[in-house]
Protein backbone atom coordinates (compact mmCIF):
# COMPACT_ATOMS: atom_id res chain seq x y z
CA MET A 1 71.33 -59.81 99.23
CA SER A 2 73.30 -61.54 96.49
CA ALA A 3 71.35 -59.45 93.81
CA ALA A 4 72.06 -56.19 95.70
CA SER A 5 75.76 -57.10 96.21
CA LEU A 6 76.03 -57.70 92.54
CA VAL A 7 74.36 -54.42 91.44
CA LEU A 8 76.57 -52.67 93.98
CA GLN A 9 79.77 -54.13 92.54
CA ARG A 10 78.41 -53.00 88.93
CA LEU A 11 77.77 -49.49 89.79
CA SER A 12 80.75 -49.10 92.10
CA PRO A 13 83.87 -51.25 91.26
CA PRO A 14 86.29 -51.90 94.04
CA LEU A 15 89.06 -49.54 94.44
CA ARG A 16 92.42 -50.69 92.94
CA ALA A 17 95.56 -49.77 94.84
CA ALA A 18 97.65 -47.28 93.16
CA ALA A 19 101.50 -46.56 93.49
CA GLU A 20 102.36 -43.29 94.81
CA LYS A 21 104.52 -40.85 92.50
CA VAL A 22 107.97 -40.67 92.97
CA VAL A 23 110.53 -38.01 92.15
CA PHE A 24 114.34 -38.38 92.09
CA ASP A 25 117.29 -37.54 89.63
CA LEU A 26 117.97 -40.30 87.09
CA ASP A 27 120.58 -39.62 84.55
CA GLN A 28 119.47 -40.84 81.50
CA SER A 29 122.57 -40.28 79.50
CA LEU A 30 124.26 -43.27 81.56
CA SER A 31 124.14 -46.72 80.44
CA LEU A 32 121.02 -48.83 81.50
CA THR A 33 123.19 -50.41 84.03
CA GLU A 34 124.28 -47.29 85.78
CA GLN A 35 120.70 -46.10 85.69
CA ALA A 36 119.62 -49.24 87.78
CA LYS A 37 122.37 -48.58 90.12
CA GLN A 38 121.00 -44.99 90.62
CA ILE A 39 117.51 -46.62 91.52
CA MET A 40 119.18 -49.19 93.77
CA ALA A 41 120.99 -46.22 95.46
CA ALA A 42 117.82 -44.19 95.76
CA VAL A 43 116.21 -47.45 97.48
CA ALA A 44 119.08 -47.62 99.79
CA ASP A 45 118.70 -43.89 100.76
CA GLY A 46 115.16 -44.29 101.34
CA ARG A 47 114.16 -41.71 98.60
CA ILE A 48 111.76 -44.49 97.08
CA ASP A 49 110.51 -47.63 98.59
CA PRO A 50 111.76 -51.20 97.46
CA ASP A 51 108.63 -52.22 95.63
CA THR A 52 108.92 -49.15 93.27
CA GLY A 53 112.54 -49.66 92.97
CA HIS A 54 111.96 -53.07 91.95
CA MET A 55 109.57 -51.89 89.31
CA LEU A 56 111.63 -49.44 87.87
CA VAL A 57 114.50 -51.93 87.59
CA ASN A 58 112.11 -54.34 85.74
CA CYS A 59 111.25 -51.40 83.48
CA ILE A 60 114.99 -51.02 82.76
CA GLU A 61 115.23 -54.54 81.97
CA LYS A 62 112.39 -54.57 79.69
CA ILE A 63 113.78 -51.37 77.86
CA ALA A 64 117.19 -53.34 77.35
CA GLY A 65 115.38 -56.15 75.85
CA ILE A 66 113.59 -53.78 73.31
CA TYR A 67 117.08 -52.33 72.60
CA ALA A 68 118.46 -55.87 71.89
CA THR A 69 115.68 -56.51 69.65
CA ASP A 70 115.94 -53.42 67.69
CA GLU A 71 119.86 -53.93 67.28
CA LEU A 72 119.26 -57.70 66.26
CA GLU A 73 116.77 -56.37 63.55
CA VAL A 74 119.38 -53.75 62.26
CA ARG A 75 121.99 -56.32 62.16
CA LEU A 76 119.61 -58.86 60.31
CA ALA A 77 118.76 -56.15 57.74
CA ALA A 78 122.48 -55.37 57.19
CA LEU A 79 123.28 -59.19 56.55
CA GLU A 80 120.07 -59.65 54.17
CA ALA A 81 121.44 -56.38 52.37
CA LYS A 82 124.81 -58.22 51.93
CA ALA A 83 123.29 -61.60 50.93
CA PRO A 84 123.76 -62.39 47.17
């Protein structure tokens, strides 16, 4: 029975949970903080579930980190260019 179970696991892997697609208006011209506020308002209104809202706010946080890294890289390059 153990061998049969192993064979079945290899042939048909267990299903993974997948999040449902959500659609709501997000004004991308606003700051990242304002976008996070829009997501929280959508959660409060029940347009998206709290788990999805948490995931989206985490994505915005990651994007903010990427922007900060890009900005530091540009500043560092400018300082290195000015160095004698």
